[in-house]
Amino acid sequence: MVDFQYKPHYDWEDFLEIMRVLREPGGCPWDAEQTHESIRRNFLEETYEVLDALDRDDPHAMCEELGDVLMQIVFHAQIEAERGRFTMADVVDGVAQKMVYRHPHVFGGTMQADNSEQVLANWEVLKRQEKGQRSTADAIESVPHTLPALWRAEKIASKTAKAGFDWDSAISALGKLEEEVRELRKALESGREADAPHGVREEVGDALFITGKIAQMSGVDPEDALHRACDKFERRFRQVESSADKPLSDYTEAELVALWRAAKEMQS
């Protein structure tokens, strides 16, 4: 056991001290063993739990889940403090410096912004200056590879569009999607290995990428659109399954299509 003072209310400094105590000798064996790599997935899971709480507009869950994400941030910062590379104070100072630098229209500077569109445009310019990105290709390379793939595609498409590399409209981009679908059909009909050049994996990726581009041009979040499609599919499949009078595997393809169409009609 460690010497610890219990309180009815803990503040920021208490929180940092709790994490330090958990990691030090005599603290928690599990916490002391963790590395950036071992708790990496926890960070992602906690973030998604925050998003779920936001979607449900549940203030109690928001407060709890935001705390769990904050714990992950402090955990990683504590690991680095033990290595002598940076501390939580450095994290706080760094983000504060960034926010002041990227809001010159608020904190005093040469850039002005009278609306949110100009704020975003200024933000992108300042971000590229700050990170030493000299080209759009540099900006694209900086998009994290760990993002959900549709979000990564959307961000890449947005950056190239700002450089003038774009279709005239989403309808124009739709023609490219139709072209990619034809290439996907060709890959499927060829019977070649999925990983072969111009195989199914490559062509599916191309079709998904241009779909993300169409979403970006239409002002639609592609991840949200796909989640909604998943929810719709789930509802319709439940209706199909409840309407079936025998195992679905015993139905022909035509019969399954008929069941699906009936479910679609019921829910439209």
C-alpha atoms as a PDB file:
ATOM      1  CA  MET A   1       0.000   0.000   0.000  1.00  0.00           C
ATOM      2  CA  VAL A   2       1.135   3.549  -0.698  1.00  0.00           C
ATOM      3  CA  ASP A   3       0.692   6.661   1.413  1.00  0.00           C
ATOM      4  CA  PHE A   4      -2.291   8.354  -0.185  1.00  0.00           C
ATOM      5  CA  GLN A   5      -4.679  11.034   1.013  1.00  0.00           C
ATOM      6  CA  TYR A   6      -8.306  10.325   0.148  1.00  0.00           C
ATOM      7  CA  LYS A   7     -10.403  13.378  -0.755  1.00  0.00           C
ATOM      8  CA  PRO A   8     -14.085  14.019  -1.444  1.00  0.00           C
ATOM      9  CA  HIS A   9     -13.011  15.890  -4.598  1.00  0.00           C
ATOM     10  CA  TYR A  10      -9.846  15.488  -6.670  1.00  0.00           C
ATOM     11  CA  ASP A  11      -8.373  18.185  -8.900  1.00  0.00           C
ATOM     12  CA  TRP A  12      -6.008  18.125 -11.891  1.00  0.00           C
ATOM     13  CA  GLU A  13      -2.830  17.878  -9.820  1.00  0.00           C
ATOM     14  CA  ASP A  14      -4.346  15.033  -7.786  1.00  0.00           C
ATOM     15  CA  PHE A  15      -5.135  13.191 -11.014  1.00  0.00           C
ATOM     16  CA  LEU A  16      -1.548  13.475 -12.248  1.00  0.00           C
ATOM     17  CA  GLU A  17      -0.289  12.286  -8.862  1.00  0.00           C
ATOM     18  CA  ILE A  18      -2.612   9.256  -8.903  1.00  0.00           C
ATOM     19  CA  MET A  19      -1.222   8.178 -12.273  1.00  0.00           C
ATOM     20  CA  ARG A  20       2.348   8.689 -11.042  1.00  0.00           C
ATOM     21  CA  VAL A  21       1.667   6.606  -7.913  1.00  0.00           C
ATOM     22  CA  LEU A  22       0.077   3.802  -9.922  1.00  0.00           C
ATOM     23  CA  ARG A  23       3.209   3.524 -12.080  1.00  0.00           C
ATOM     24  CA  GLU A  24       5.846   3.756  -9.350  1.00  0.00           C
ATOM     25  CA  PRO A  25       7.244   0.851  -7.262  1.00  0.00           C
ATOM     26  CA  GLY A  26       4.626  -0.234  -4.747  1.00  0.00           C
ATOM     27  CA  GLY A  27       1.849   0.934  -7.018  1.00  0.00           C
ATOM     28  CA  CYS A  28      -0.223  -1.203  -9.380  1.00  0.00           C
ATOM     29  CA  PRO A  29       1.687  -4.075 -11.071  1.00  0.00           C
ATOM     30  CA  TRP A  30      -0.556  -3.922 -14.162  1.00  0.00           C
ATOM     31  CA  ASP A  31      -0.231  -0.169 -14.631  1.00  0.00           C
ATOM     32  CA  ALA A  32       3.523  -0.358 -14.114  1.00  0.00           C
ATOM     33  CA  GLU A  33       3.894  -2.969 -16.885  1.00  0.00           C
ATOM     34  CA  GLN A  34       2.063  -1.031 -19.576  1.00  0.00           C
ATOM     35  CA  THR A  35       3.716   0.542 -22.626  1.00  0.00           C
ATOM     36  CA  HIS A  36       2.481   2.771 -25.424  1.00  0.00           C
ATOM     37  CA  GLU A  37       1.955  -0.339 -27.521  1.00  0.00           C
ATOM     38  CA  SER A  38       0.104  -2.380 -24.895  1.00  0.00           C
ATOM     39  CA  ILE A  39      -2.536   0.310 -24.221  1.00  0.00           C
ATOM     40  CA  ARG A  40      -2.767   1.625 -27.792  1.00  0.00           C
ATOM     41  CA  ARG A  41      -6.068  -0.138 -28.486  1.00  0.00           C
ATOM     42  CA  ASN A  42      -7.523   1.095 -25.190  1.00  0.00           C
ATOM     43  CA  PHE A  43      -7.111   4.677 -26.413  1.00  0.00           C
ATOM     44  CA  LEU A  44      -9.083   3.926 -29.556  1.00  0.00           C
ATOM     45  CA  GLU A  45     -11.837   2.048 -27.720  1.00  0.00           C
ATOM     46  CA  GLU A  46     -12.270   4.822 -25.158  1.00  0.00           C
ATOM     47  CA  THR A  47     -12.517   7.387 -27.952  1.00  0.00           C
ATOM     48  CA  TYR A  48     -15.282   5.428 -29.634  1.00  0.00           C
ATOM     49  CA  GLU A  49     -17.117   5.209 -26.305  1.00  0.00           C
ATOM     50  CA  VAL A  50     -17.029   9.013 -26.112  1.00  0.00           C
ATOM     51  CA  LEU A  51     -18.519   9.199 -29.602  1.00  0.00           C
ATOM     52  CA  ASP A  52     -21.265   6.785 -28.585  1.00  0.00           C
ATOM     53  CA  ALA A  53     -22.101   8.958 -25.568  1.00  0.00           C
ATOM     54  CA  LEU A  54     -22.180  12.041 -27.791  1.00  0.00           C
ATOM     55  CA  ASP A  55     -24.490  10.324 -30.264  1.00  0.00           C
ATOM     56  CA  ARG A  56     -26.847   9.413 -27.402  1.00  0.00           C
ATOM     57  CA  ASP A  57     -26.603  12.944 -25.917  1.00  0.00           C
ATOM     58  CA  ASP A  58     -26.007  11.313 -22.529  1.00  0.00           C
ATOM     59  CA  PRO A  59     -24.264  13.895 -20.290  1.00  0.00           C
ATOM     60  CA  HIS A  60     -23.440  11.389 -17.531  1.00  0.00           C
ATOM     61  CA  ALA A  61     -21.801   9.029 -20.024  1.00  0.00           C
ATOM     62  CA  MET A  62     -20.041  11.932 -21.768  1.00  0.00           C
ATOM     63  CA  CYS A  63     -18.474  13.058 -18.494  1.00  0.00           C
ATOM     64  CA  GLU A  64     -17.344   9.532 -17.626  1.00  0.00           C
ATOM     65  CA  GLU A  65     -16.024   8.632 -21.081  1.00  0.00           C
ATOM     66  CA  LEU A  66     -14.202  11.938 -21.547  1.00  0.00           C
ATOM     67  CA  GLY A  67     -12.502  11.159 -18.240  1.00  0.00           C
ATOM     68  CA  ASP A  68     -11.458   7.752 -19.565  1.00  0.00           C
ATOM     69  CA  VAL A  69      -9.917   9.378 -22.666  1.00  0.00           C
ATOM     70  CA  LEU A  70      -8.149  11.898 -20.448  1.00  0.00           C
ATOM     71  CA  MET A  71      -6.782   9.003 -18.414  1.00  0.00           C
ATOM     72  CA  GLN A  72      -5.304   7.520 -21.583  1.00  0.00           C
ATOM     73  CA  ILE A  73      -3.641  10.845 -22.417  1.00  0.00           C
ATOM     74  CA  VAL A  74      -2.173  11.178 -18.936  1.00  0.00           C
ATOM     75  CA  PHE A  75      -1.085   7.517 -19.000  1.00  0.00           C
ATOM     76  CA  HIS A  76       0.950   8.011 -22.189  1.00  0.00           C
ATOM     77  CA  ALA A  77       2.367  11.303 -20.902  1.00  0.00           C
ATOM     78  CA  GLN A  78       3.437   9.624 -17.640  1.00  0.00           C
ATOM     79  CA  ILE A  79       5.277   6.910 -19.569  1.00  0.00           C
ATOM     80  CA  GLU A  80       7.185   9.643 -21.419  1.00  0.00           C
ATOM     81  CA  ALA A  81       7.843  11.595 -18.204  1.00  0.00           C
ATOM     82  CA  GLU A  82       9.512   8.473 -16.795  1.00  0.00           C
ATOM     83  CA  ARG A  83      11.691   8.358 -19.900  1.00  0.00           C
ATOM     84  CA  GLY A  84      12.580  12.024 -19.473  1.00  0.00           C
ATOM     85  CA  ARG A  85      11.339  12.994 -22.928  1.00  0.00           C
ATOM     86  CA  PHE A  86       8.340  15.193 -22.058  1.00  0.00           C
ATOM     87  CA  THR A  87       5.743  15.717 -19.338  1.00  0.00           C
ATOM     88  CA  MET A  88       2.012  16.409 -19.189  1.00  0.00           C
ATOM     89  CA  ALA A  89       2.910  20.064 -18.646  1.00  0.00           C
ATOM     90  CA  ASP A  90       4.681  20.010 -22.016  1.00  0.00           C
ATOM     91  CA  VAL A  91       1.574  18.501 -23.619  1.00  0.00           C
ATOM     92  CA  VAL A  92      -0.650  21.242 -22.188  1.00  0.00           C
ATOM     93  CA  ASP A  93       1.806  23.998 -23.137  1.00  0.00           C
ATOM     94  CA  GLY A  94       2.185  22.603 -26.659  1.00  0.00           C
ATOM     95  CA  VAL A  95      -1.525  22.515 -27.430  1.00  0.00           C
ATOM     96  CA  ALA A  96      -2.057  25.962 -25.858  1.00  0.00           C
ATOM     97  CA  GLN A  97       0.748  27.419 -27.993  1.00  0.00           C
ATOM     98  CA  LYS A  98      -0.815  25.804 -31.064  1.00  0.00           C
ATOM     99  CA  MET A  99      -4.287  27.187 -30.366  1.00  0.00           C
ATOM    100  CA  VAL A 100      -2.940  30.731 -29.932  1.00  0.00           C
ATOM    101  CA  TYR A 101      -0.814  30.443 -33.095  1.00  0.00           C
ATOM    102  CA  ARG A 102      -3.671  29.099 -35.203  1.00  0.00           C
ATOM    103  CA  HIS A 103      -6.168  31.761 -34.049  1.00  0.00           C
ATOM    104  CA  PRO A 104      -4.408  35.009 -34.981  1.00  0.00           C
ATOM    105  CA  HIS A 105      -7.798  36.592 -35.677  1.00  0.00           C
ATOM    106  CA  VAL A 106      -8.583  36.164 -31.963  1.00  0.00           C
ATOM    107  CA  PHE A 107      -5.234  36.636 -30.224  1.00  0.00           C
ATOM    108  CA  GLY A 108      -3.769  39.322 -32.472  1.00  0.00           C
ATOM    109  CA  GLY A 109      -2.084  38.822 -35.812  1.00  0.00           C
ATOM    110  CA  THR A 110      -2.096  39.736 -39.470  1.00  0.00           C
ATOM    111  CA  MET A 111      -4.727  37.198 -40.527  1.00  0.00           C
ATOM    112  CA  GLN A 112      -8.401  38.146 -40.297  1.00  0.00           C
ATOM    113  CA  ALA A 113     -11.433  35.858 -40.281  1.00  0.00           C
ATOM    114  CA  ASP A 114     -14.998  37.097 -40.470  1.00  0.00           C
ATOM    115  CA  ASN A 115     -16.615  33.677 -40.866  1.00  0.00           C
ATOM    116  CA  SER A 116     -15.970  30.018 -40.135  1.00  0.00           C
ATOM    117  CA  GLU A 117     -14.926  29.281 -43.737  1.00  0.00           C
ATOM    118  CA  GLN A 118     -12.099  31.806 -43.492  1.00  0.00           C
ATOM    119  CA  VAL A 119     -11.094  30.401 -40.101  1.00  0.00           C
ATOM    120  CA  LEU A 120     -10.700  26.930 -41.651  1.00  0.00           C
ATOM    121  CA  ALA A 121      -8.770  28.310 -44.614  1.00  0.00           C
ATOM    122  CA  ASN A 122      -6.386  30.196 -42.302  1.00  0.00           C
ATOM    123  CA  TRP A 123      -6.057  27.118 -40.079  1.00  0.00           C
ATOM    124  CA  GLU A 124      -4.905  25.009 -43.037  1.00  0.00           C
ATOM    125  CA  VAL A 125      -2.339  27.620 -44.129  1.00  0.00           C
ATOM    126  CA  LEU A 126      -0.946  28.005 -40.611  1.00  0.00           C
ATOM    127  CA  LYS A 127      -0.878  24.241 -40.079  1.00  0.00           C
ATOM    128  CA  ARG A 128       1.177  23.717 -43.228  1.00  0.00           C
ATOM    129  CA  GLN A 129       3.584  26.486 -42.221  1.00  0.00           C
ATOM    130  CA  GLU A 130       3.907  25.062 -38.722  1.00  0.00           C
ATOM    131  CA  LYS A 131       4.634  21.552 -39.960  1.00  0.00           C
ATOM    132  CA  GLY A 132       6.905  22.626 -42.800  1.00  0.00           C
ATOM    133  CA  GLN A 133       4.640  21.200 -45.503  1.00  0.00           C
ATOM    134  CA  ARG A 134       5.812  22.744 -48.759  1.00  0.00           C
ATOM    135  CA  SER A 135       3.397  20.960 -51.086  1.00  0.00           C
ATOM    136  CA  THR A 136      -0.014  19.335 -51.166  1.00  0.00           C
ATOM    137  CA  ALA A 137       1.761  15.986 -51.422  1.00  0.00           C
ATOM    138  CA  ASP A 138       3.422  16.755 -48.073  1.00  0.00           C
ATOM    139  CA  ALA A 139       0.012  17.576 -46.604  1.00  0.00           C
ATOM    140  CA  ILE A 140      -1.430  14.306 -47.929  1.00  0.00           C
ATOM    141  CA  GLU A 141       1.468  12.341 -46.468  1.00  0.00           C
ATOM    142  CA  SER A 142       0.716  13.870 -43.058  1.00  0.00           C
ATOM    143  CA  VAL A 143      -2.811  12.408 -42.992  1.00  0.00           C
ATOM    144  CA  PRO A 144      -2.563   9.582 -40.406  1.00  0.00           C
ATOM    145  CA  HIS A 145      -2.598   6.103 -41.909  1.00  0.00           C
ATOM    146  CA  THR A 146      -4.362   4.923 -38.746  1.00  0.00           C
ATOM    147  CA  LEU A 147      -7.549   6.846 -39.549  1.00  0.00           C
ATOM    148  CA  PRO A 148     -10.570   4.783 -40.605  1.00  0.00           C
ATOM    149  CA  ALA A 149      -9.953   4.301 -44.325  1.00  0.00           C
ATOM    150  CA  LEU A 150     -13.021   6.231 -45.511  1.00  0.00           C
ATOM    151  CA  TRP A 151     -12.075   9.221 -43.352  1.00  0.00           C
ATOM    152  CA  ARG A 152      -8.511   9.042 -44.663  1.00  0.00           C
ATOM    153  CA  ALA A 153      -9.831   9.024 -48.242  1.00  0.00           C
ATOM    154  CA  GLU A 154     -12.097  11.987 -47.479  1.00  0.00           C
ATOM    155  CA  LYS A 155      -9.250  14.033 -45.955  1.00  0.00           C
ATOM    156  CA  ILE A 156      -6.915  13.260 -48.863  1.00  0.00           C
ATOM    157  CA  ALA A 157      -9.630  14.240 -51.339  1.00  0.00           C
ATOM    158  CA  SER A 158     -10.270  17.470 -49.448  1.00  0.00           C
ATOM    159  CA  LYS A 159      -6.590  18.456 -49.490  1.00  0.00           C
ATOM    160  CA  THR A 160      -6.195  17.815 -53.228  1.00  0.00           C
ATOM    161  CA  ALA A 161      -9.405  19.725 -53.942  1.00  0.00           C
ATOM    162  CA  LYS A 162      -7.992  22.787 -52.166  1.00  0.00           C
ATOM    163  CA  ALA A 163      -5.019  22.580 -54.543  1.00  0.00           C
ATOM    164  CA  GLY A 164      -7.374  22.657 -57.535  1.00  0.00           C
ATOM    165  CA  PHE A 165      -7.166  18.934 -58.332  1.00  0.00           C
ATOM    166  CA  ASP A 166     -10.865  18.158 -58.474  1.00  0.00           C
ATOM    167  CA  TRP A 167     -13.899  17.292 -60.591  1.00  0.00           C
ATOM    168  CA  ASP A 168     -16.345  20.022 -61.543  1.00  0.00           C
ATOM    169  CA  SER A 169     -19.104  18.324 -59.552  1.00  0.00           C
ATOM    170  CA  ALA A 170     -20.036  15.165 -57.664  1.00  0.00           C
ATOM    171  CA  ILE A 171     -21.950  14.064 -60.776  1.00  0.00           C
ATOM    172  CA  SER A 172     -18.700  14.231 -62.754  1.00  0.00           C
ATOM    173  CA  ALA A 173     -16.979  12.131 -60.096  1.00  0.00           C
ATOM    174  CA  LEU A 174     -19.822   9.634 -60.319  1.00  0.00           C
ATOM    175  CA  GLY A 175     -18.650   8.796 -63.837  1.00  0.00           C
ATOM    176  CA  LYS A 176     -15.290   7.767 -62.346  1.00  0.00           C
ATOM    177  CA  LEU A 177     -17.079   5.533 -59.831  1.00  0.00           C
ATOM    178  CA  GLU A 178     -18.949   3.841 -62.672  1.00  0.00           C
ATOM    179  CA  GLU A 179     -15.620   3.286 -64.422  1.00  0.00           C
ATOM    180  CA  GLU A 180     -14.143   1.735 -61.268  1.00  0.00           C
ATOM    181  CA  VAL A 181     -17.175  -0.551 -60.891  1.00  0.00           C
ATOM    182  CA  ARG A 182     -16.634  -1.782 -64.451  1.00  0.00           C
ATOM    183  CA  GLU A 183     -12.991  -2.501 -63.606  1.00  0.00           C
ATOM    184  CA  LEU A 184     -14.097  -4.340 -60.476  1.00  0.00           C
ATOM    185  CA  ARG A 185     -16.471  -6.457 -62.530  1.00  0.00           C
ATOM    186  CA  LYS A 186     -13.627  -7.242 -64.929  1.00  0.00           C
ATOM    187  CA  ALA A 187     -11.386  -8.285 -62.017  1.00  0.00           C
ATOM    188  CA  LEU A 188     -14.105 -10.553 -60.604  1.00  0.00           C
ATOM    189  CA  GLU A 189     -14.759 -12.134 -63.993  1.00  0.00           C
ATOM    190  CA  SER A 190     -11.050 -12.690 -64.663  1.00  0.00           C
ATOM    191  CA  GLY A 191     -10.700 -15.187 -61.829  1.00  0.00           C
ATOM    192  CA  ARG A 192      -7.210 -13.894 -61.004  1.00  0.00           C
ATOM    193  CA  GLU A 193      -5.908 -13.816 -57.431  1.00  0.00           C
ATOM    194  CA  ALA A 194      -7.437 -11.079 -55.315  1.00  0.00           C
ATOM    195  CA  ASP A 195      -3.992  -9.602 -54.580  1.00  0.00           C
ATOM    196  CA  ALA A 196      -2.826  -9.643 -58.202  1.00  0.00           C
ATOM    197  CA  PRO A 197      -2.267  -6.318 -60.004  1.00  0.00           C
ATOM    198  CA  HIS A 198      -5.707  -4.944 -60.922  1.00  0.00           C
ATOM    199  CA  GLY A 199      -7.207  -7.723 -58.821  1.00  0.00           C
ATOM    200  CA  VAL A 200     -10.304  -7.520 -56.660  1.00  0.00           C
ATOM    201  CA  ARG A 201      -8.519  -5.960 -53.665  1.00  0.00           C
ATOM    202  CA  GLU A 202      -7.113  -3.097 -55.744  1.00  0.00           C
ATOM    203  CA  GLU A 203     -10.350  -2.474 -57.621  1.00  0.00           C
ATOM    204  CA  VAL A 204     -12.497  -2.580 -54.475  1.00  0.00           C
ATOM    205  CA  GLY A 205     -10.111  -0.043 -52.942  1.00  0.00           C
ATOM    206  CA  ASP A 206     -10.369   2.220 -55.986  1.00  0.00           C
ATOM    207  CA  ALA A 207     -14.177   2.057 -55.901  1.00  0.00           C
ATOM    208  CA  LEU A 208     -14.241   2.848 -52.173  1.00  0.00           C
ATOM    209  CA  PHE A 209     -11.802   5.723 -52.604  1.00  0.00           C
ATOM    210  CA  ILE A 210     -13.857   7.442 -55.285  1.00  0.00           C
ATOM    211  CA  THR A 211     -16.985   6.833 -53.186  1.00  0.00           C
ATOM    212  CA  GLY A 212     -15.255   8.715 -50.368  1.00  0.00           C
ATOM    213  CA  LYS A 213     -14.431  11.471 -52.855  1.00  0.00           C
ATOM    214  CA  ILE A 214     -18.078  11.772 -53.912  1.00  0.00           C
ATOM    215  CA  ALA A 215     -19.058  11.982 -50.241  1.00  0.00           C
ATOM    216  CA  GLN A 216     -16.486  14.745 -49.663  1.00  0.00           C
ATOM    217  CA  MET A 217     -17.751  16.735 -52.650  1.00  0.00           C
ATOM    218  CA  SER A 218     -21.333  16.318 -51.440  1.00  0.00           C
ATOM    219  CA  GLY A 219     -20.600  17.426 -47.877  1.00  0.00           C
ATOM    220  CA  VAL A 220     -21.387  13.966 -46.516  1.00  0.00           C
ATOM    221  CA  ASP A 221     -19.336  12.179 -43.858  1.00  0.00           C
ATOM    222  CA  PRO A 222     -18.559   8.815 -45.520  1.00  0.00           C
ATOM    223  CA  GLU A 223     -18.142   7.001 -42.204  1.00  0.00           C
ATOM    224  CA  ASP A 224     -21.521   8.281 -41.025  1.00  0.00           C
ATOM    225  CA  ALA A 225     -23.104   7.323 -44.351  1.00  0.00           C
ATOM    226  CA  LEU A 226     -21.734   3.779 -44.101  1.00  0.00           C
ATOM    227  CA  HIS A 227     -22.834   3.435 -40.467  1.00  0.00           C
ATOM    228  CA  ARG A 228     -26.347   4.487 -41.506  1.00  0.00           C
ATOM    229  CA  ALA A 229     -26.265   1.931 -44.299  1.00  0.00           C
ATOM    230  CA  CYS A 230     -25.217  -0.742 -41.786  1.00  0.00           C
ATOM    231  CA  ASP A 231     -28.101   0.226 -39.500  1.00  0.00           C
ATOM    232  CA  LYS A 232     -30.551   0.094 -42.407  1.00  0.00           C
ATOM    233  CA  PHE A 233     -29.226  -3.288 -43.507  1.00  0.00           C
ATOM    234  CA  GLU A 234     -29.570  -4.609 -39.948  1.00  0.00           C
ATOM    235  CA  ARG A 235     -33.213  -3.527 -39.752  1.00  0.00           C
ATOM    236  CA  ARG A 236     -34.076  -5.010 -43.127  1.00  0.00           C
ATOM    237  CA  PHE A 237     -32.238  -8.264 -42.454  1.00  0.00           C
ATOM    238  CA  ARG A 238     -34.104  -8.636 -39.181  1.00  0.00           C
ATOM    239  CA  GLN A 239     -37.344  -8.263 -41.140  1.00  0.00           C
ATOM    240  CA  VAL A 240     -36.176 -10.816 -43.727  1.00  0.00           C
ATOM    241  CA  GLU A 241     -35.259 -13.303 -41.014  1.00  0.00           C
ATOM    242  CA  SER A 242     -38.565 -12.865 -39.177  1.00  0.00           C
ATOM    243  CA  SER A 243     -40.527 -13.271 -42.430  1.00  0.00           C
ATOM    244  CA  ALA A 244     -38.762 -16.472 -43.457  1.00  0.00           C
ATOM    245  CA  ASP A 245     -40.563 -19.772 -42.901  1.00  0.00           C
ATOM    246  CA  LYS A 246     -37.424 -21.878 -43.273  1.00  0.00           C
ATOM    247  CA  PRO A 247     -33.649 -21.419 -42.836  1.00  0.00           C
ATOM    248  CA  LEU A 248     -32.335 -18.730 -45.156  1.00  0.00           C
ATOM    249  CA  SER A 249     -29.757 -21.165 -46.497  1.00  0.00           C
ATOM    250  CA  ASP A 250     -32.626 -23.207 -47.961  1.00  0.00           C
ATOM    251  CA  TYR A 251     -33.859 -20.314 -50.106  1.00  0.00           C
ATOM    252  CA  THR A 252     -32.746 -19.751 -53.676  1.00  0.00           C
ATOM    253  CA  GLU A 253     -31.058 -16.481 -54.590  1.00  0.00           C
ATOM    254  CA  ALA A 254     -34.243 -15.301 -56.329  1.00  0.00           C
ATOM    255  CA  GLU A 255     -36.327 -16.111 -53.247  1.00  0.00           C
ATOM    256  CA  LEU A 256     -33.907 -14.211 -50.997  1.00  0.00           C
ATOM    257  CA  VAL A 257     -34.104 -11.208 -53.307  1.00  0.00           C
ATOM    258  CA  ALA A 258     -37.910 -11.368 -53.081  1.00  0.00           C
ATOM    259  CA  LEU A 259     -37.759 -11.483 -49.273  1.00  0.00           C
ATOM    260  CA  TRP A 260     -35.395  -8.511 -49.250  1.00  0.00           C
ATOM    261  CA  ARG A 261     -37.625  -6.485 -51.546  1.00  0.00           C
ATOM    262  CA  ALA A 262     -40.632  -7.234 -49.373  1.00  0.00           C
ATOM    263  CA  ALA A 263     -38.738  -6.108 -46.268  1.00  0.00           C
ATOM    264  CA  LYS A 264     -37.665  -2.957 -48.079  1.00  0.00           C
ATOM    265  CA  GLU A 265     -41.259  -2.180 -48.998  1.00  0.00           C
ATOM    266  CA  MET A 266     -42.406  -2.679 -45.411  1.00  0.00           C
ATOM    267  CA  GLN A 267     -39.776  -0.280 -44.053  1.00  0.00           C
ATOM    268  CA  SER A 268     -39.915   2.386 -46.751  1.00  0.00           C
END
